Amino acid sequence: MITVIIWCVILKLIPVYSERYDEASCLGDKDVFGKRLGEDMILGELYFHLYSKEWFHTPLNLTSNNIRLLNGTLDTKIIIPGWTEQSYEEWVISMKNAYLSKQPFNIIVFDWGQYTYYPYEMVPDIVKTCGKYLGDFLILLYRENVIDLDKVHVIAHSVGAHIAGLAGKHVQKHLAKNVFRISALNAAGPKYEEALPADRLFRNDAKIVDGYHAHDGVFGMRRAYGTVDFFLSQKDPQLLKCLIPPEISCYSIYIWIRCRHRDTFDLWLRSIIWGNLTAIGIVRKDRILIGEQCPQAARGIYNHIVDIKPALYFRRAECLGRY
């Protein structure tokens, strides 16, 4: 039964999102940048939107001409949306607001949105190009003495997590230094579950790589890939806000799985605002804080998230209605 459901989702429903853009289906075996898949890709329009105390509501689009407007004394949070997501997603804005309500930060949203709706088979090539571009951006900021890499924390969802990983590799290659932290919110599984570490997010891509797995079974990676990995409990009623609807169909199952894929947004927001979410280690049975407050020294695999606070971002009706 599980196998039938998974194939139902993969074969029948995922293409619906590709068909939203007729332009993509006319490209044949060419990619969105005009060259054939597998060749070096031509860079399209990608943006870095800066939010801060000065640019709280309307972001500043960072370019090489204005990067010194970044406050290098602050910690920098880089948020990367996933496939089919945009830089103005509700969860992105909610996360930005949560951070800036706590203390001053540089919040940079990496906008690769014009490519996020192209067919998924193009994703690995797009990720390589976007990862290199983000890596070049970080190298520029470092060489211009604008930021300290030890103050850079990347929070990325789904496919965005692999963009973060490849950016981290690019920085290592050219600077022999690491960004401080990459937090992966349910890193994408399709095309990456069996990929080599060189082509996806891996534990060596930053000093700390903390991965959060939502147990959706289709969209997220099942294997551990971080210096520390957290698997959301499938039995925790506080975290399972996405219920299988009473009428079972391919579409309803797809909605449920996609909602589970996004459970990690809510967990991360709670960790910023309340800061008391914990998880229990599989081996040592030790309890540590997770999310934003995850300890630097944390290593291993944890599950059974302990959460006494109500859900913030998702409600069941919103999840089923929107996604």
Protein backbone atom coordinates (compact mmCIF):
# COMPACT_ATOMS: atom_id res chain seq x y z
CA MET A 1 0.00 0.00 0.00
CA ILE A 2 2.78 2.42 0.90
CA THR A 3 4.56 1.67 -2.38
CA VAL A 4 1.37 2.33 -4.35
CA ILE A 5 0.88 5.67 -2.62
CA ILE A 6 4.48 6.77 -3.25
CA TRP A 7 4.36 5.90 -6.94
CA CYS A 8 0.97 7.57 -7.21
CA VAL A 9 2.49 10.77 -5.91
CA ILE A 10 5.71 10.66 -7.89
CA LEU A 11 4.29 9.65 -11.26
CA LYS A 12 0.99 11.48 -11.34
CA LEU A 13 1.16 14.54 -9.17
CA ILE A 14 4.63 16.03 -9.27
CA PRO A 15 4.37 16.75 -13.03
CA VAL A 16 1.40 19.00 -12.29
CA TYR A 17 3.82 21.59 -10.95
CA SER A 18 6.00 21.40 -14.05
CA GLU A 19 2.98 21.97 -16.28
CA ARG A 20 2.22 25.27 -14.55
CA TYR A 21 4.77 26.81 -16.93
CA ASP A 22 4.19 25.85 -20.55
CA GLU A 23 7.46 27.56 -21.41
CA ALA A 24 9.40 24.86 -19.57
CA SER A 25 7.87 22.03 -21.59
CA CYS A 26 9.03 23.71 -24.82
CA LEU A 27 12.70 23.59 -23.82
CA GLY A 28 13.17 19.92 -24.63
CA ASP A 29 16.54 18.82 -23.26
CA LYS A 30 17.73 22.41 -22.84
CA ASP A 31 17.81 24.03 -19.46
CA VAL A 32 16.45 27.36 -18.26
CA PHE A 33 19.72 29.16 -18.98
CA GLY A 34 19.77 28.30 -22.66
CA LYS A 35 22.42 25.55 -22.72
CA ARG A 36 22.01 21.83 -22.83
CA LEU A 37 21.79 19.98 -19.54
CA GLY A 38 25.16 18.80 -18.30
CA GLU A 39 27.13 21.75 -19.70
CA ASP A 40 28.23 24.80 -17.76
CA MET A 41 25.12 26.83 -17.12
CA ILE A 42 24.73 30.53 -17.91
CA LEU A 43 23.78 32.61 -14.90
CA GLY A 44 20.33 34.14 -14.95
CA GLU A 45 18.83 36.71 -12.59
CA LEU A 46 19.43 35.81 -8.94
CA TYR A 47 19.00 38.23 -6.06
CA PHE A 48 20.05 38.77 -2.47
CA HIS A 49 17.39 40.63 -0.47
CA LEU A 50 18.67 42.24 2.73
CA TYR A 51 16.33 42.74 5.68
CA SER A 52 17.53 44.54 8.79
CA LYS A 53 16.45 47.20 11.26
CA GLU A 54 16.79 49.78 8.46
CA TRP A 55 15.12 47.62 5.81
CA PHE A 56 12.55 45.77 7.86
CA HIS A 57 9.53 45.82 5.52
CA THR A 58 11.07 46.51 2.11
CA PRO A 59 14.38 44.74 1.52
CA LEU A 60 17.49 46.18 -0.06
CA ASN A 61 18.66 44.28 -3.14
CA LEU A 62 22.36 43.71 -2.54
CA THR A 63 24.83 44.19 -5.39
CA SER A 64 28.59 44.58 -5.59
CA ASN A 65 28.01 48.36 -5.42
CA ASN A 66 26.21 48.44 -2.07
CA ILE A 67 27.50 45.45 -0.07
CA ARG A 68 29.13 47.77 2.47
CA LEU A 69 25.67 48.70 3.66
CA LEU A 70 25.79 45.34 5.45
CA ASN A 71 26.63 45.71 9.12
CA GLY A 72 29.65 43.46 9.50
CA THR A 73 29.42 43.48 13.29
CA LEU A 74 26.11 41.59 13.19
CA ASP A 75 25.44 37.90 12.69
CA THR A 76 24.19 37.15 9.18
CA LYS A 77 21.31 34.76 8.54
CA ILE A 78 20.88 33.60 4.93
CA ILE A 79 17.48 32.05 4.14
CA ILE A 80 17.08 29.89 1.04
CA PRO A 81 13.59 28.77 -0.09
CA GLY A 82 13.06 25.41 -1.77
CA TRP A 83 11.64 24.19 -5.05
CA THR A 84 8.31 25.85 -6.05
CA GLU A 85 8.89 28.51 -3.35
CA GLN A 86 9.54 32.22 -3.62
CA SER A 87 11.51 34.74 -1.56
CA TYR A 88 8.27 36.23 -0.22
CA GLU A 89 6.81 32.95 1.08
CA GLU A 90 4.88 33.39 4.32
CA TRP A 91 7.31 31.18 6.22
CA VAL A 92 10.29 33.21 4.96
CA ILE A 93 8.77 36.50 6.09
CA SER A 94 7.67 34.96 9.40
CA MET A 95 11.21 33.73 10.02
CA LYS A 96 12.68 37.12 9.15
CA ASN A 97 10.26 38.85 11.51
CA ALA A 98 10.99 36.38 14.31
CA TYR A 99 14.72 36.94 14.08
CA LEU A 100 14.54 40.74 13.89
CA SER A 101 12.10 40.88 16.80
CA LYS A 102 14.77 39.24 18.97
CA GLN A 103 17.88 41.25 18.09
CA PRO A 104 19.56 43.00 15.15
CA PHE A 105 20.70 40.70 12.33
CA ASN A 106 21.57 40.87 8.70
CA ILE A 107 18.81 38.72 7.17
CA ILE A 108 19.58 37.86 3.54
CA VAL A 109 17.03 35.95 1.45
CA PHE A 110 18.60 34.26 -1.56
CA ASP A 111 16.03 34.67 -4.34
CA TRP A 112 16.37 31.97 -7.00
CA GLY A 113 12.62 32.00 -7.50
CA GLN A 114 12.46 32.34 -11.27
CA TYR A 115 13.93 28.84 -11.59
CA THR A 116 12.00 27.06 -8.85
CA TYR A 117 9.04 26.03 -11.05
CA TYR A 118 10.96 24.38 -13.85
CA PRO A 119 10.78 20.59 -14.16
CA TYR A 120 12.42 18.79 -11.28
CA GLU A 121 14.80 16.85 -13.53
CA MET A 122 16.61 20.16 -14.10
CA VAL A 123 17.15 20.73 -10.38
CA PRO A 124 20.66 19.25 -10.00
CA ASP A 125 22.09 21.54 -12.69
CA ILE A 126 20.25 24.58 -11.36
CA VAL A 127 21.45 23.78 -7.83
CA LYS A 128 25.07 23.63 -8.99
CA THR A 129 24.81 27.04 -10.64
CA CYS A 130 22.95 28.64 -7.73
CA GLY A 131 25.36 27.10 -5.21
CA LYS A 132 28.37 28.51 -7.05
CA TYR A 133 26.69 31.91 -7.28
CA LEU A 134 25.92 32.00 -3.56
CA GLY A 135 29.46 30.81 -2.84
CA ASP A 136 30.93 33.58 -5.01
CA PHE A 137 28.76 36.11 -3.16
CA LEU A 138 30.08 34.93 0.21
CA ILE A 139 33.66 34.97 -1.08
CA LEU A 140 33.18 38.56 -2.26
CA LEU A 141 31.79 39.63 1.11
CA TYR A 142 34.70 37.96 2.90
CA ARG A 143 37.44 39.36 0.66
CA GLU A 144 35.98 42.85 0.93
CA ASN A 145 36.05 42.50 4.75
CA VAL A 146 32.28 42.93 4.90
CA ILE A 147 31.48 39.76 6.86
CA ASP A 148 33.14 37.21 9.10
CA LEU A 149 32.39 33.67 7.92
CA ASP A 150 32.13 32.63 11.58
CA LYS A 151 29.03 34.84 11.76
CA VAL A 152 27.30 33.31 8.74
CA HIS A 153 24.38 30.94 9.33
CA VAL A 154 22.45 29.55 6.36
CA ILE A 155 18.90 28.24 6.93
CA ALA A 156 17.63 26.40 3.86
CA HIS A 157 14.60 24.33 2.95
CA SER A 158 14.34 21.33 0.64
CA VAL A 159 16.34 21.88 -2.56
CA GLY A 160 17.65 25.10 -1.01
CA ALA A 161 19.60 22.95 1.47
CA HIS A 162 21.65 21.47 -1.37
CA ILE A 163 22.28 24.96 -2.77
CA ALA A 164 23.65 25.82 0.66
CA GLY A 165 25.82 22.72 0.69
CA LEU A 166 27.35 23.41 -2.72
CA ALA A 167 27.92 27.05 -1.72
CA GLY A 168 29.77 25.82 1.36
CA LYS A 169 31.95 23.56 -0.79
CA HIS A 170 32.71 26.46 -3.14
CA VAL A 171 33.80 28.66 -0.25
CA GLN A 172 36.06 25.90 1.09
CA LYS A 173 37.65 25.39 -2.32
CA HIS A 174 38.56 29.05 -2.83
CA LEU A 175 39.17 30.29 0.71
CA ALA A 176 40.16 27.11 2.59
CA LYS A 177 37.63 28.27 5.20
CA ASN A 178 34.15 27.19 6.24
CA VAL A 179 30.95 29.09 6.79
CA PHE A 180 29.91 28.66 10.39
CA ARG A 181 26.60 26.83 10.10
CA ILE A 182 24.11 25.36 7.65
CA SER A 183 20.68 24.34 8.99
CA ALA A 184 18.77 22.13 6.57
CA LEU A 185 14.99 22.03 6.91
CA ASN A 186 14.07 18.68 5.36
CA ALA A 187 16.71 18.64 2.64
CA ALA A 188 15.28 17.36 -0.65
CA GLY A 189 15.47 13.61 -1.21
CA PRO A 190 14.62 13.05 -4.91
CA LYS A 191 17.82 13.16 -7.01
CA TYR A 192 19.86 13.47 -3.80
CA GLU A 193 19.15 10.46 -1.59
CA GLU A 194 21.76 8.37 -3.38
CA ALA A 195 23.90 11.22 -4.71
CA LEU A 196 27.57 11.48 -3.85
CA PRO A 197 28.49 13.94 -1.06
CA ALA A 198 30.19 16.15 -3.65
CA ASP A 199 26.82 16.79 -5.32
CA ARG A 200 24.64 17.46 -2.28
CA LEU A 201 24.62 18.80 1.25
CA PHE A 202 27.09 16.98 3.46
CA ARG A 203 28.35 17.31 7.01
CA ASN A 204 31.66 18.85 5.93
CA ASP A 205 30.08 21.81 4.12
CA ALA A 206 30.14 24.03 7.24
CA LYS A 207 31.55 23.87 10.75
CA ILE A 208 28.06 22.84 11.88
CA VAL A 209 25.47 21.14 9.66
CA ASP A 210 22.24 20.43 11.53
CA GLY A 211 19.61 18.54 9.57
CA TYR A 212 15.88 18.32 10.36
CA HIS A 213 13.94 15.41 8.86
CA ALA A 214 10.15 15.55 8.64
CA HIS A 215 9.43 11.85 7.93
CA ASP A 216 7.39 12.69 4.83
CA GLY A 217 8.86 9.63 3.11
CA VAL A 218 9.01 11.16 -0.38
CA PHE A 219 10.30 14.72 -0.60
CA GLY A 220 12.83 14.72 2.27
CA MET A 221 16.09 12.79 2.65
CA ARG A 222 15.86 9.72 4.86
CA ARG A 223 19.59 9.34 5.47
CA ALA A 224 21.53 11.41 8.00
CA TYR A 225 23.76 14.00 6.33
CA GLY A 226 24.69 16.47 9.06
CA THR A 227 27.08 16.76 11.97
CA VAL A 228 23.84 16.30 13.90
CA ASP A 229 20.46 15.13 12.58
CA PHE A 230 16.98 15.41 14.10
CA PHE A 231 14.10 13.19 13.04
CA LEU A 232 10.67 14.56 13.91
CA SER A 233 8.65 11.98 15.77
CA GLN A 234 5.82 10.47 13.75
CA LYS A 235 3.79 10.09 16.94
CA ASP A 236 4.08 13.60 18.38
CA PRO A 237 0.60 15.21 18.08
CA GLN A 238 2.06 18.69 18.54
CA LEU A 239 4.21 18.32 15.44
CA LEU A 240 1.89 16.31 13.24
CA LYS A 241 -0.38 19.08 12.03
CA CYS A 242 -0.91 17.46 8.64
CA LEU A 243 -3.50 14.73 8.89
CA ILE A 244 -4.38 12.35 6.06
CA PRO A 245 -7.80 13.55 4.89
CA PRO A 246 -10.78 11.17 5.18
CA GLU A 247 -11.13 10.87 1.39
CA ILE A 248 -8.01 9.10 0.14
CA SER A 249 -6.91 10.02 -3.37
CA CYS A 250 -3.64 10.66 -5.15
CA TYR A 251 -4.12 14.39 -4.73
CA SER A 252 -5.03 14.24 -1.04
CA ILE A 253 -2.01 12.02 -0.32
CA TYR A 254 0.19 14.46 -2.24
CA ILE A 255 -1.13 17.36 -0.15
CA TRP A 256 -0.43 15.47 3.06
CA ILE A 257 3.13 14.56 2.07
CA ARG A 258 3.88 18.10 0.90
CA CYS A 259 2.54 19.47 4.18
CA ARG A 260 4.78 17.06 6.14
CA HIS A 261 7.71 18.26 4.03
CA ARG A 262 7.10 21.74 5.48
CA ASP A 263 6.68 20.78 9.13
CA THR A 264 10.22 21.96 9.82
CA PHE A 265 9.28 25.63 9.21
CA ASP A 266 7.05 25.57 12.25
CA LEU A 267 9.66 23.84 14.37
CA TRP A 268 12.29 26.43 13.45
CA LEU A 269 10.01 29.36 14.19
CA ARG A 270 9.20 27.93 17.61
CA SER A 271 12.88 27.52 18.35
CA ILE A 272 13.50 31.20 17.57
CA ILE A 273 10.58 32.52 19.58
CA TRP A 274 10.51 30.18 22.59
CA GLY A 275 13.88 28.48 22.43
CA ASN A 276 12.95 25.50 24.59
CA LEU A 277 12.49 22.72 22.05
CA THR A 278 14.49 19.62 22.85
CA ALA A 279 15.21 16.21 21.38
CA ILE A 280 16.45 12.92 22.80
CA GLY A 281 19.50 11.09 21.46
CA ILE A 282 18.96 7.65 19.95
CA VAL A 283 22.10 6.17 21.50
CA ARG A 284 22.98 8.16 24.64
CA LYS A 285 19.40 9.21 25.43
CA ASP A 286 20.72 12.69 26.22
CA ARG A 287 18.45 15.69 25.75
CA ILE A 288 19.59 18.81 23.88
CA LEU A 289 18.07 21.99 22.51
CA ILE A 290 17.25 21.99 18.81
CA GLY A 291 16.65 24.57 16.12
CA GLU A 292 18.23 27.97 16.53
CA GLN A 293 19.69 27.04 19.95
CA CYS A 294 21.24 23.74 18.85
CA PRO A 295 24.61 23.41 20.68
CA GLN A 296 27.75 23.75 18.57
CA ALA A 297 29.14 20.53 19.99
CA ALA A 298 26.02 18.43 19.20
CA ARG A 299 26.79 15.26 17.28
CA GLY A 300 24.79 12.19 16.35
CA ILE A 301 21.14 11.39 15.67
CA TYR A 302 18.19 12.56 17.76
CA ASN A 303 14.47 12.00 17.59
CA HIS A 304 11.29 12.25 19.66
CA ILE A 305 11.05 16.04 19.63
CA VAL A 306 9.68 17.24 22.97
CA ASP A 307 7.40 20.22 22.38
CA ILE A 308 4.88 21.69 24.78
CA LYS A 309 4.03 24.80 22.78
CA PRO A 310 1.18 25.12 20.25
CA ALA A 311 1.78 25.29 16.52
CA LEU A 312 2.76 28.68 15.12
CA TYR A 313 2.85 28.70 11.36
CA PHE A 314 0.58 25.94 10.09
CA ARG A 315 -2.98 25.08 10.93
CA ARG A 316 -4.48 21.96 9.45
CA ALA A 317 -7.01 23.80 7.31
CA GLU A 318 -4.36 26.15 5.92
CA CYS A 319 -2.06 23.28 5.13
CA LEU A 320 -4.66 21.26 3.31
CA GLY A 321 -6.09 24.29 1.56
CA ARG A 322 -2.94 25.96 0.36
CA TYR A 323 -0.64 23.10 -0.45
